[in-house]
Amino acid sequence: MNPIQCGDELDCAEVTVGKYVTTKKCKYLLTDELGRGGYGCVFKVTPEPSDGFEYALKIEKKRENRSQAKLGMEQHIMKLIRDKPLKQRSHFIDVVDRGKKTYFFFLVMTLVGDSLADLKKSRKPAIFSCSTTYSIGVSLFNLFKQIFLKLCFFL
């Protein structure tokens, strides 16, 4: 059996399922790739030592031009939200851990369910009903309301 490889010093594109990423708090085993895009990738992870939960680990490649970094902005917004009452942040995930490695930055956050794109693909035909579309719209409206009315104006 091959030992699990640490991904801390790998390039962002080389970090794959089966490797682990470390922080001062713990080590995160990458168990499943949830998505990959132009800025980085997202993995389902299990912490070691285990706390009985799974999390999402979002990796962003370090870039020479720091103004292109998106993960730092996400982290800043989530820090501002974290201290709000639960009712004012019900549509947001929590940051559990974070780190910086030679070639990438990462955030560990609460794991949520399937994306809307995955849910839509799983349907036959691949469309949402009117009531589902309406419910998604109402949820998005409430999210935007939280962002702009409650968070931005009352920080």
N, C-alpha and C. Protein backbone atom coordinates (compact mmCIF):
# COMPACT_ATOMS: atom_id res chain seq x y z
N MET A 1 0.84 -1.18 0.00
CA MET A 1 0.00 0.00 0.00
C MET A 1 0.89 1.25 0.00
N ASN A 2 0.60 2.20 -0.90
CA ASN A 2 1.39 3.42 -0.99
C ASN A 2 1.04 4.36 0.16
N PRO A 3 2.06 5.02 0.73
CA PRO A 3 1.75 6.02 1.76
C PRO A 3 1.07 7.22 1.13
N ILE A 4 0.24 7.90 1.90
CA ILE A 4 -0.46 9.08 1.40
C ILE A 4 0.55 10.21 1.26
N GLN A 5 0.53 10.87 0.11
CA GLN A 5 1.48 11.94 -0.17
C GLN A 5 0.95 13.28 0.31
N CYS A 6 1.84 14.07 0.89
CA CYS A 6 1.49 15.42 1.31
C CYS A 6 1.46 16.31 0.07
N GLY A 7 0.43 17.12 -0.06
CA GLY A 7 0.29 18.01 -1.20
C GLY A 7 0.75 19.43 -0.93
N ASP A 8 1.34 19.67 0.26
CA ASP A 8 1.69 21.03 0.66
C ASP A 8 2.63 21.74 -0.31
N GLU A 9 3.58 21.03 -0.87
CA GLU A 9 4.58 21.66 -1.74
C GLU A 9 4.31 21.43 -3.22
N LEU A 10 3.15 20.89 -3.55
CA LEU A 10 2.81 20.64 -4.94
C LEU A 10 2.20 21.89 -5.57
N ASP A 11 2.29 21.97 -6.90
CA ASP A 11 1.59 23.00 -7.64
C ASP A 11 0.10 22.71 -7.49
N CYS A 12 -0.70 23.74 -7.56
CA CYS A 12 -2.15 23.61 -7.38
C CYS A 12 -2.74 22.51 -8.27
N ALA A 13 -2.30 22.44 -9.52
CA ALA A 13 -2.84 21.45 -10.46
C ALA A 13 -2.46 20.02 -10.08
N GLU A 14 -1.40 19.85 -9.29
CA GLU A 14 -0.95 18.51 -8.90
C GLU A 14 -1.58 18.01 -7.62
N VAL A 15 -2.32 18.87 -6.93
CA VAL A 15 -3.00 18.46 -5.71
C VAL A 15 -4.24 17.67 -6.14
N THR A 16 -4.27 16.41 -5.76
CA THR A 16 -5.35 15.52 -6.22
C THR A 16 -5.88 14.68 -5.07
N VAL A 17 -6.98 13.99 -5.33
CA VAL A 17 -7.59 13.09 -4.35
C VAL A 17 -6.55 12.07 -3.89
N GLY A 18 -6.56 11.79 -2.60
CA GLY A 18 -5.63 10.83 -2.03
C GLY A 18 -4.44 11.48 -1.36
N LYS A 19 -4.22 12.76 -1.62
CA LYS A 19 -3.13 13.50 -0.97
C LYS A 19 -3.72 14.22 0.23
N TYR A 20 -2.86 14.84 1.01
CA TYR A 20 -3.37 15.63 2.13
C TYR A 20 -2.69 16.99 2.17
N VAL A 21 -3.37 17.93 2.82
CA VAL A 21 -2.88 19.30 3.00
C VAL A 21 -2.89 19.55 4.50
N THR A 22 -1.86 20.22 5.01
CA THR A 22 -1.74 20.42 6.45
C THR A 22 -1.89 21.89 6.85
N THR A 23 -2.35 22.08 8.09
CA THR A 23 -2.36 23.39 8.73
C THR A 23 -1.77 23.20 10.11
N LYS A 24 -1.70 24.27 10.88
CA LYS A 24 -1.21 24.16 12.26
C LYS A 24 -2.18 23.33 13.11
N LYS A 25 -3.48 23.38 12.74
CA LYS A 25 -4.50 22.68 13.51
C LYS A 25 -4.56 21.18 13.22
N CYS A 26 -4.51 20.83 11.93
CA CYS A 26 -4.63 19.41 11.58
C CYS A 26 -4.23 19.16 10.13
N LYS A 27 -4.44 17.93 9.72
CA LYS A 27 -4.14 17.50 8.36
C LYS A 27 -5.46 17.11 7.72
N TYR A 28 -5.63 17.49 6.44
CA TYR A 28 -6.88 17.23 5.72
C TYR A 28 -6.62 16.27 4.57
N LEU A 29 -7.26 15.11 4.61
CA LEU A 29 -7.16 14.12 3.55
C LEU A 29 -8.17 14.45 2.47
N LEU A 30 -7.72 14.61 1.23
CA LEU A 30 -8.59 14.93 0.10
C LEU A 30 -9.25 13.64 -0.38
N THR A 31 -10.57 13.56 -0.19
CA THR A 31 -11.28 12.32 -0.47
C THR A 31 -12.06 12.33 -1.78
N ASP A 32 -12.41 13.53 -2.28
CA ASP A 32 -13.19 13.61 -3.51
C ASP A 32 -13.01 14.99 -4.12
N GLU A 33 -12.90 15.07 -5.45
CA GLU A 33 -12.82 16.36 -6.12
C GLU A 33 -14.24 16.81 -6.45
N LEU A 34 -14.62 17.99 -5.94
CA LEU A 34 -15.96 18.51 -6.16
C LEU A 34 -16.05 19.42 -7.37
N GLY A 35 -14.92 20.03 -7.74
CA GLY A 35 -14.92 20.93 -8.89
C GLY A 35 -13.54 21.49 -9.14
N ARG A 36 -13.33 21.93 -10.39
CA ARG A 36 -12.04 22.51 -10.79
C ARG A 36 -12.33 23.59 -11.81
N GLY A 37 -11.62 24.71 -11.70
CA GLY A 37 -11.85 25.82 -12.62
C GLY A 37 -10.59 26.63 -12.84
N GLY A 38 -10.76 27.82 -13.38
CA GLY A 38 -9.64 28.68 -13.74
C GLY A 38 -8.84 29.19 -12.56
N TYR A 39 -9.46 29.33 -11.40
CA TYR A 39 -8.76 29.85 -10.24
C TYR A 39 -8.24 28.75 -9.31
N GLY A 40 -8.76 27.55 -9.42
CA GLY A 40 -8.31 26.49 -8.53
C GLY A 40 -9.28 25.34 -8.52
N CYS A 41 -9.40 24.69 -7.35
CA CYS A 41 -10.27 23.52 -7.25
C CYS A 41 -10.85 23.41 -5.85
N VAL A 42 -11.87 22.56 -5.73
CA VAL A 42 -12.54 22.32 -4.46
C VAL A 42 -12.58 20.82 -4.23
N PHE A 43 -12.22 20.41 -3.02
CA PHE A 43 -12.20 19.01 -2.64
C PHE A 43 -13.07 18.78 -1.42
N LYS A 44 -13.63 17.58 -1.31
CA LYS A 44 -14.23 17.12 -0.06
C LYS A 44 -13.06 16.57 0.74
N VAL A 45 -12.98 16.95 2.03
CA VAL A 45 -11.87 16.51 2.86
C VAL A 45 -12.34 15.96 4.19
N THR A 46 -11.50 15.13 4.77
CA THR A 46 -11.71 14.59 6.11
C THR A 46 -10.53 15.01 6.97
N PRO A 47 -10.79 15.62 8.13
CA PRO A 47 -9.68 16.04 8.98
C PRO A 47 -9.08 14.86 9.74
N GLU A 48 -7.79 14.96 10.02
CA GLU A 48 -7.12 14.00 10.89
C GLU A 48 -6.40 14.81 11.96
N PRO A 49 -6.72 14.67 13.21
CA PRO A 49 -7.66 13.70 13.76
C PRO A 49 -9.10 14.04 13.41
N SER A 50 -9.90 13.01 13.25
CA SER A 50 -11.28 13.17 12.81
C SER A 50 -12.15 13.80 13.88
N ASP A 51 -13.05 14.67 13.45
CA ASP A 51 -14.05 15.23 14.35
C ASP A 51 -15.45 14.74 13.98
N GLY A 52 -15.50 13.75 13.04
CA GLY A 52 -16.76 13.18 12.62
C GLY A 52 -17.45 13.92 11.49
N PHE A 53 -16.83 14.98 10.98
CA PHE A 53 -17.42 15.77 9.89
C PHE A 53 -16.54 15.73 8.65
N GLU A 54 -17.16 16.04 7.51
CA GLU A 54 -16.42 16.25 6.27
C GLU A 54 -16.53 17.74 5.94
N TYR A 55 -15.54 18.26 5.25
CA TYR A 55 -15.51 19.67 4.91
C TYR A 55 -15.17 19.85 3.43
N ALA A 56 -15.28 21.08 2.97
CA ALA A 56 -14.83 21.43 1.62
C ALA A 56 -13.53 22.21 1.77
N LEU A 57 -12.55 21.89 0.95
CA LEU A 57 -11.27 22.60 0.94
C LEU A 57 -11.13 23.25 -0.44
N LYS A 58 -11.07 24.57 -0.45
CA LYS A 58 -10.99 25.33 -1.69
C LYS A 58 -9.57 25.82 -1.86
N ILE A 59 -8.96 25.48 -2.99
CA ILE A 59 -7.57 25.83 -3.28
C ILE A 59 -7.54 26.86 -4.40
N GLU A 60 -6.70 27.88 -4.21
CA GLU A 60 -6.48 28.87 -5.27
C GLU A 60 -4.99 29.00 -5.52
N LYS A 61 -4.60 28.90 -6.76
CA LYS A 61 -3.21 29.01 -7.15
C LYS A 61 -2.69 30.41 -6.84
N LYS A 62 -1.46 30.49 -6.29
CA LYS A 62 -0.84 31.79 -6.07
C LYS A 62 -0.50 32.39 -7.42
N ARG A 63 -0.76 33.67 -7.55
CA ARG A 63 -0.48 34.39 -8.79
C ARG A 63 0.47 35.54 -8.50
N GLU A 64 1.25 35.92 -9.51
CA GLU A 64 2.18 37.04 -9.34
C GLU A 64 1.42 38.32 -9.04
N ASN A 65 0.32 38.53 -9.75
CA ASN A 65 -0.49 39.72 -9.55
C ASN A 65 -1.53 39.42 -8.47
N ARG A 66 -1.27 39.83 -7.25
CA ARG A 66 -2.14 39.51 -6.11
C ARG A 66 -3.56 40.05 -6.29
N SER A 67 -3.73 41.07 -7.14
CA SER A 67 -5.07 41.62 -7.33
C SER A 67 -6.01 40.62 -8.00
N GLN A 68 -5.46 39.56 -8.58
CA GLN A 68 -6.29 38.53 -9.20
C GLN A 68 -6.80 37.51 -8.18
N ALA A 69 -6.28 37.54 -6.97
CA ALA A 69 -6.66 36.56 -5.96
C ALA A 69 -8.10 36.78 -5.51
N LYS A 70 -8.87 35.71 -5.49
CA LYS A 70 -10.28 35.78 -5.10
C LYS A 70 -10.52 35.18 -3.72
N LEU A 71 -9.70 34.23 -3.33
CA LEU A 71 -9.91 33.51 -2.08
C LEU A 71 -9.75 34.43 -0.86
N GLY A 72 -8.81 35.36 -0.93
CA GLY A 72 -8.62 36.31 0.17
C GLY A 72 -9.84 37.18 0.37
N MET A 73 -10.46 37.59 -0.73
CA MET A 73 -11.66 38.40 -0.64
C MET A 73 -12.81 37.57 -0.04
N GLU A 74 -12.93 36.31 -0.46
CA GLU A 74 -13.96 35.43 0.11
C GLU A 74 -13.76 35.29 1.62
N GLN A 75 -12.51 35.05 2.00
CA GLN A 75 -12.21 34.87 3.41
C GLN A 75 -12.55 36.12 4.21
N HIS A 76 -12.24 37.28 3.68
CA HIS A 76 -12.53 38.54 4.38
C HIS A 76 -14.03 38.70 4.59
N ILE A 77 -14.82 38.43 3.56
CA ILE A 77 -16.28 38.54 3.67
C ILE A 77 -16.80 37.54 4.69
N MET A 78 -16.29 36.31 4.65
CA MET A 78 -16.77 35.29 5.60
C MET A 78 -16.38 35.63 7.03
N LYS A 79 -15.24 36.30 7.24
CA LYS A 79 -14.86 36.74 8.59
C LYS A 79 -15.85 37.79 9.10
N LEU A 80 -16.24 38.72 8.24
CA LEU A 80 -17.21 39.75 8.64
C LEU A 80 -18.55 39.13 8.99
N ILE A 81 -18.93 38.11 8.25
CA ILE A 81 -20.23 37.46 8.45
C ILE A 81 -20.23 36.59 9.70
N ARG A 82 -19.10 35.97 10.01
CA ARG A 82 -19.02 35.00 11.11
C ARG A 82 -19.51 35.56 12.45
N ASP A 83 -19.28 36.84 12.68
CA ASP A 83 -19.64 37.43 13.96
C ASP A 83 -21.09 37.92 14.04
N LYS A 84 -21.83 37.78 12.95
CA LYS A 84 -23.23 38.20 12.93
C LYS A 84 -24.10 37.13 13.59
N PRO A 85 -25.27 37.52 14.10
CA PRO A 85 -26.20 36.52 14.63
C PRO A 85 -26.58 35.51 13.54
N LEU A 86 -26.89 34.30 13.94
CA LEU A 86 -27.20 33.22 13.01
C LEU A 86 -28.29 33.61 12.01
N LYS A 87 -29.30 34.32 12.46
CA LYS A 87 -30.39 34.71 11.56
C LYS A 87 -29.88 35.59 10.41
N GLN A 88 -28.85 36.39 10.67
CA GLN A 88 -28.31 37.27 9.64
C GLN A 88 -27.30 36.59 8.74
N ARG A 89 -26.91 35.36 9.05
CA ARG A 89 -25.91 34.66 8.22
C ARG A 89 -26.34 33.25 7.84
N SER A 90 -27.65 33.02 7.83
CA SER A 90 -28.16 31.67 7.59
C SER A 90 -27.85 31.15 6.19
N HIS A 91 -27.56 32.02 5.23
CA HIS A 91 -27.28 31.58 3.87
C HIS A 91 -25.78 31.45 3.59
N PHE A 92 -24.95 31.52 4.62
CA PHE A 92 -23.51 31.50 4.43
C PHE A 92 -22.87 30.30 5.11
N ILE A 93 -21.75 29.87 4.56
CA ILE A 93 -20.97 28.79 5.15
C ILE A 93 -19.97 29.37 6.14
N ASP A 94 -19.40 28.51 6.97
CA ASP A 94 -18.40 28.93 7.95
C ASP A 94 -17.01 28.49 7.52
N VAL A 95 -16.02 29.34 7.74
CA VAL A 95 -14.63 28.97 7.51
C VAL A 95 -14.15 28.23 8.76
N VAL A 96 -13.59 27.04 8.55
CA VAL A 96 -13.13 26.19 9.64
C VAL A 96 -11.63 26.36 9.86
N ASP A 97 -10.89 26.51 8.76
CA ASP A 97 -9.43 26.59 8.81
C ASP A 97 -8.96 27.25 7.52
N ARG A 98 -7.71 27.64 7.49
CA ARG A 98 -7.15 28.24 6.28
C ARG A 98 -5.65 28.04 6.29
N GLY A 99 -5.04 28.27 5.13
CA GLY A 99 -3.60 28.11 5.07
C GLY A 99 -3.00 28.70 3.81
N LYS A 100 -1.68 28.81 3.84
CA LYS A 100 -0.92 29.33 2.71
C LYS A 100 0.26 28.38 2.51
N LYS A 101 0.41 27.91 1.30
CA LYS A 101 1.52 27.02 0.95
C LYS A 101 2.39 27.69 -0.11
N THR A 102 3.42 27.02 -0.54
CA THR A 102 4.35 27.61 -1.49
C THR A 102 3.66 28.05 -2.77
N TYR A 103 2.75 27.23 -3.30
CA TYR A 103 2.15 27.50 -4.60
C TYR A 103 0.65 27.79 -4.56
N PHE A 104 0.04 27.73 -3.39
CA PHE A 104 -1.40 27.97 -3.33
C PHE A 104 -1.85 28.43 -1.96
N PHE A 105 -3.05 29.04 -1.94
CA PHE A 105 -3.77 29.40 -0.72
C PHE A 105 -4.94 28.45 -0.61
N PHE A 106 -5.47 28.25 0.60
CA PHE A 106 -6.67 27.42 0.71
C PHE A 106 -7.51 27.80 1.90
N LEU A 107 -8.80 27.50 1.79
CA LEU A 107 -9.78 27.66 2.87
C LEU A 107 -10.45 26.31 3.10
N VAL A 108 -10.68 25.99 4.35
CA VAL A 108 -11.47 24.81 4.71
C VAL A 108 -12.78 25.35 5.26
N MET A 109 -13.90 24.89 4.70
CA MET A 109 -15.19 25.43 5.08
C MET A 109 -16.23 24.33 5.22
N THR A 110 -17.34 24.69 5.82
CA THR A 110 -18.41 23.71 5.97
C THR A 110 -18.82 23.20 4.60
N LEU A 111 -19.18 21.94 4.56
CA LEU A 111 -19.58 21.29 3.31
C LEU A 111 -21.09 21.42 3.16
N VAL A 112 -21.52 21.86 2.00
CA VAL A 112 -22.94 21.99 1.73
C VAL A 112 -23.35 20.92 0.73
N GLY A 113 -24.59 20.89 0.36
CA GLY A 113 -25.09 19.86 -0.56
C GLY A 113 -24.65 20.07 -2.00
N ASP A 114 -25.30 19.34 -2.88
CA ASP A 114 -24.98 19.41 -4.31
C ASP A 114 -25.23 20.82 -4.85
N SER A 115 -24.48 21.17 -5.90
CA SER A 115 -24.69 22.46 -6.56
C SER A 115 -25.99 22.41 -7.37
N LEU A 116 -26.49 23.58 -7.71
CA LEU A 116 -27.69 23.64 -8.54
C LEU A 116 -27.45 22.97 -9.89
N ALA A 117 -26.25 23.14 -10.43
CA ALA A 117 -25.93 22.52 -11.73
C ALA A 117 -25.99 21.00 -11.62
N ASP A 118 -25.45 20.43 -10.53
CA ASP A 118 -25.50 18.97 -10.35
C ASP A 118 -26.93 18.48 -10.15
N LEU A 119 -27.70 19.23 -9.37
CA LEU A 119 -29.10 18.84 -9.15
C LEU A 119 -29.88 18.87 -10.46
N LYS A 120 -29.63 19.89 -11.27
CA LYS A 120 -30.32 20.01 -12.55
C LYS A 120 -29.94 18.86 -13.49
N LYS A 121 -28.64 18.53 -13.54
CA LYS A 121 -28.17 17.44 -14.40
C LYS A 121 -28.77 16.09 -14.01
N SER A 122 -29.04 15.93 -12.72
CA SER A 122 -29.55 14.64 -12.24
C SER A 122 -31.02 14.41 -12.59
N ARG A 123 -31.69 15.44 -13.05
CA ARG A 123 -33.12 15.34 -13.39
C ARG A 123 -33.30 14.88 -14.83
N LYS A 124 -34.39 14.20 -15.08
CA LYS A 124 -34.77 13.79 -16.43
C LYS A 124 -36.15 14.36 -16.73
N PRO A 125 -36.35 15.30 -17.59
CA PRO A 125 -35.35 16.08 -18.34
C PRO A 125 -34.62 17.04 -17.40
N ALA A 126 -33.50 17.55 -17.87
CA ALA A 126 -32.61 18.37 -17.04
C ALA A 126 -33.12 19.81 -16.92
N ILE A 127 -34.32 19.93 -16.35
CA ILE A 127 -34.89 21.26 -16.09
C ILE A 127 -35.57 21.22 -14.72
N PHE A 128 -35.66 22.39 -14.09
CA PHE A 128 -36.37 22.50 -12.82
C PHE A 128 -37.83 22.84 -13.09
N SER A 129 -38.71 22.43 -12.19
CA SER A 129 -40.12 22.80 -12.30
C SER A 129 -40.26 24.29 -11.96
N CYS A 130 -41.41 24.83 -12.27
CA CYS A 130 -41.68 26.25 -11.96
C CYS A 130 -41.57 26.50 -10.45
N SER A 131 -42.11 25.60 -9.65
CA SER A 131 -42.08 25.82 -8.19
C SER A 131 -40.64 25.73 -7.65
N THR A 132 -39.84 24.83 -8.21
CA THR A 132 -38.44 24.75 -7.78
C THR A 132 -37.69 26.02 -8.17
N THR A 133 -37.91 26.49 -9.39
CA THR A 133 -37.27 27.72 -9.85
C THR A 133 -37.69 28.90 -8.97
N TYR A 134 -38.96 28.95 -8.61
CA TYR A 134 -39.46 30.00 -7.73
C TYR A 134 -38.77 29.93 -6.36
N SER A 135 -38.65 28.73 -5.80
CA SER A 135 -38.01 28.55 -4.49
C SER A 135 -36.53 28.96 -4.53
N ILE A 136 -35.86 28.62 -5.61
CA ILE A 136 -34.45 29.03 -5.77
C ILE A 136 -34.36 30.55 -5.81
N GLY A 137 -35.28 31.17 -6.57
CA GLY A 137 -35.29 32.63 -6.67
C GLY A 137 -35.52 33.30 -5.33
N VAL A 138 -36.45 32.77 -4.55
CA VAL A 138 -36.73 33.34 -3.22
C VAL A 138 -35.50 33.19 -2.32
N SER A 139 -34.84 32.04 -2.35
CA SER A 139 -33.63 31.83 -1.55
C SER A 139 -32.52 32.79 -1.96
N LEU A 140 -32.34 32.97 -3.26
CA LEU A 140 -31.32 33.90 -3.74
C LEU A 140 -31.66 35.34 -3.34
N PHE A 141 -32.92 35.69 -3.43
CA PHE A 141 -33.33 37.03 -3.00
C PHE A 141 -32.99 37.25 -1.53
N ASN A 142 -33.30 36.26 -0.69
CA ASN A 142 -32.99 36.38 0.73
C ASN A 142 -31.49 36.46 0.99
N LEU A 143 -30.71 35.73 0.22
CA LEU A 143 -29.25 35.80 0.34
C LEU A 143 -28.78 37.22 0.02
N PHE A 144 -29.21 37.75 -1.12
CA PHE A 144 -28.78 39.10 -1.51
C PHE A 144 -29.24 40.13 -0.49
N LYS A 145 -30.43 39.93 0.04
CA LYS A 145 -30.94 40.83 1.06
C LYS A 145 -30.03 40.82 2.29
N GLN A 146 -29.60 39.61 2.70
CA GLN A 146 -28.67 39.51 3.83
C GLN A 146 -27.36 40.23 3.53
N ILE A 147 -26.84 40.03 2.34
CA ILE A 147 -25.56 40.64 1.99
C ILE A 147 -25.67 42.16 2.01
N PHE A 148 -26.62 42.70 1.30
CA PHE A 148 -26.66 44.13 1.11
C PHE A 148 -27.33 44.91 2.22
N LEU A 149 -28.42 44.42 2.75
CA LEU A 149 -29.12 45.19 3.77
C LEU A 149 -28.56 44.99 5.16
N LYS A 150 -28.35 43.76 5.53
CA LYS A 150 -27.95 43.48 6.91
C LYS A 150 -26.46 43.55 7.12
N LEU A 151 -25.68 43.05 6.18
CA LEU A 151 -24.23 42.96 6.39
C LEU A 151 -23.50 44.22 5.97
N CYS A 152 -23.74 44.69 4.79
CA CYS A 152 -22.97 45.81 4.25
C CYS A 152 -23.27 47.12 4.99
N PHE A 153 -24.52 47.37 5.31
CA PHE A 153 -24.85 48.65 5.90
C PHE A 153 -24.72 48.67 7.41
N PHE A 154 -24.57 47.53 8.05
CA PHE A 154 -24.51 47.52 9.51
C PHE A 154 -23.25 46.86 10.04
N LEU A 155 -22.15 46.92 9.27
CA LEU A 155 -20.88 46.36 9.75
C LEU A 155 -20.37 47.27 10.81
